[in-house]
Amino acid sequence: DDAIAEMEAATLEDLQRVARELLVGERLHLAVVGPYRSDKRFAPLLRL
């Protein structure tokens, strides 16, 4: 399958480039499920 071959051909540099493009603060979101009284325990996760 072509998709599998492309994934297997990915290099560390390819993955780092994609991570730099996608993992930027203004594009990140956090979803939390459960009853929590406060967001204090999660707020630090939003400051990368």
N, C-alpha and C. Protein backbone atom coordinates (compact mmCIF):
# COMPACT_ATOMS: atom_id res chain seq x y z
N ASP A 1 0.85 -1.19 0.00
CA ASP A 1 0.00 0.00 0.00
C ASP A 1 0.89 1.24 0.00
N ASP A 2 0.55 2.22 -0.82
CA ASP A 2 1.36 3.43 -0.95
C ASP A 2 1.43 4.24 0.33
N ALA A 3 0.33 4.32 1.05
CA ALA A 3 0.30 5.10 2.30
C ALA A 3 1.27 4.52 3.32
N ILE A 4 1.31 3.22 3.43
CA ILE A 4 2.22 2.57 4.38
C ILE A 4 3.66 2.80 3.97
N ALA A 5 3.94 2.71 2.69
CA ALA A 5 5.30 2.95 2.20
C ALA A 5 5.74 4.38 2.49
N GLU A 6 4.85 5.34 2.34
CA GLU A 6 5.18 6.74 2.64
C GLU A 6 5.46 6.92 4.13
N MET A 7 4.67 6.30 4.98
CA MET A 7 4.91 6.41 6.43
C MET A 7 6.24 5.79 6.81
N GLU A 8 6.54 4.64 6.24
CA GLU A 8 7.80 3.97 6.56
C GLU A 8 9.00 4.74 6.04
N ALA A 9 8.82 5.54 5.00
CA ALA A 9 9.91 6.31 4.42
C ALA A 9 10.16 7.62 5.16
N ALA A 10 9.28 8.01 6.06
CA ALA A 10 9.42 9.27 6.79
C ALA A 10 10.69 9.25 7.63
N THR A 11 11.41 10.36 7.61
CA THR A 11 12.64 10.48 8.39
C THR A 11 12.38 11.30 9.64
N LEU A 12 13.34 11.31 10.53
CA LEU A 12 13.24 12.13 11.74
C LEU A 12 13.08 13.59 11.36
N GLU A 13 13.80 14.03 10.36
CA GLU A 13 13.70 15.42 9.91
C GLU A 13 12.29 15.73 9.40
N ASP A 14 11.68 14.79 8.69
CA ASP A 14 10.30 14.98 8.22
C ASP A 14 9.36 15.18 9.40
N LEU A 15 9.49 14.33 10.41
CA LEU A 15 8.62 14.41 11.58
C LEU A 15 8.84 15.70 12.35
N GLN A 16 10.09 16.13 12.48
CA GLN A 16 10.38 17.38 13.19
C GLN A 16 9.81 18.58 12.45
N ARG A 17 9.91 18.57 11.12
CA ARG A 17 9.37 19.67 10.33
C ARG A 17 7.86 19.77 10.51
N VAL A 18 7.17 18.65 10.44
CA VAL A 18 5.72 18.65 10.61
C VAL A 18 5.35 19.09 12.02
N ALA A 19 6.09 18.64 13.02
CA ALA A 19 5.82 19.03 14.41
C ALA A 19 5.97 20.54 14.57
N ARG A 20 7.01 21.13 13.96
CA ARG A 20 7.21 22.58 14.06
C ARG A 20 6.05 23.33 13.42
N GLU A 21 5.49 22.78 12.36
CA GLU A 21 4.37 23.44 11.68
C GLU A 21 3.07 23.32 12.46
N LEU A 22 2.84 22.17 13.09
CA LEU A 22 1.55 21.90 13.71
C LEU A 22 1.49 22.20 15.20
N LEU A 23 2.59 22.02 15.90
CA LEU A 23 2.57 22.14 17.36
C LEU A 23 3.01 23.53 17.81
N VAL A 24 2.24 24.52 17.41
CA VAL A 24 2.49 25.89 17.82
C VAL A 24 1.34 26.33 18.72
N GLY A 25 1.64 27.17 19.69
CA GLY A 25 0.69 27.55 20.72
C GLY A 25 -0.69 27.95 20.24
N GLU A 26 -0.76 28.79 19.22
CA GLU A 26 -2.07 29.27 18.80
C GLU A 26 -2.91 28.22 18.08
N ARG A 27 -2.31 27.07 17.77
CA ARG A 27 -3.06 26.00 17.10
C ARG A 27 -3.42 24.86 18.04
N LEU A 28 -2.95 24.90 19.28
CA LEU A 28 -3.19 23.81 20.20
C LEU A 28 -4.51 23.99 20.94
N HIS A 29 -5.16 22.88 21.22
CA HIS A 29 -6.41 22.87 21.98
C HIS A 29 -6.34 21.76 23.01
N LEU A 30 -7.07 21.90 24.08
CA LEU A 30 -7.10 20.89 25.12
C LEU A 30 -8.55 20.58 25.45
N ALA A 31 -8.90 19.32 25.45
CA ALA A 31 -10.24 18.89 25.84
C ALA A 31 -10.11 18.02 27.08
N VAL A 32 -10.93 18.29 28.07
CA VAL A 32 -10.90 17.55 29.33
C VAL A 32 -12.31 17.05 29.62
N VAL A 33 -12.42 15.79 29.97
CA VAL A 33 -13.72 15.20 30.27
C VAL A 33 -13.75 14.82 31.74
N GLY A 34 -14.81 15.18 32.38
CA GLY A 34 -14.97 14.81 33.78
C GLY A 34 -15.48 15.98 34.59
N PRO A 35 -15.97 15.71 35.74
CA PRO A 35 -16.38 16.81 36.61
C PRO A 35 -15.18 17.34 37.39
N TYR A 36 -14.73 18.52 37.05
CA TYR A 36 -13.64 19.17 37.77
C TYR A 36 -14.15 20.50 38.28
N ARG A 37 -13.83 20.81 39.51
CA ARG A 37 -14.32 22.06 40.11
C ARG A 37 -13.53 23.27 39.62
N SER A 38 -12.31 23.03 39.17
CA SER A 38 -11.45 24.14 38.77
C SER A 38 -10.58 23.73 37.59
N ASP A 39 -10.16 24.72 36.83
CA ASP A 39 -9.25 24.44 35.72
C ASP A 39 -7.79 24.61 36.12
N LYS A 40 -7.52 24.85 37.39
CA LYS A 40 -6.16 25.14 37.85
C LYS A 40 -5.17 24.03 37.53
N ARG A 41 -5.58 22.79 37.62
CA ARG A 41 -4.65 21.69 37.36
C ARG A 41 -4.32 21.56 35.87
N PHE A 42 -5.16 22.12 35.01
CA PHE A 42 -4.94 22.01 33.57
C PHE A 42 -4.35 23.27 32.95
N ALA A 43 -4.47 24.39 33.60
CA ALA A 43 -3.97 25.65 33.05
C ALA A 43 -2.50 25.59 32.65
N PRO A 44 -1.62 24.96 33.44
CA PRO A 44 -0.21 24.89 33.02
C PRO A 44 -0.01 24.14 31.70
N LEU A 45 -0.89 23.23 31.37
CA LEU A 45 -0.77 22.48 30.12
C LEU A 45 -1.00 23.36 28.90
N LEU A 46 -1.66 24.48 29.08
CA LEU A 46 -1.96 25.37 27.97
C LEU A 46 -0.83 26.34 27.68
N ARG A 47 0.18 26.35 28.51
CA ARG A 47 1.32 27.27 28.34
C ARG A 47 2.55 26.50 27.90
N LEU A 48 2.63 26.17 26.64
CA LEU A 48 3.79 25.44 26.12
C LEU A 48 4.87 26.39 25.68
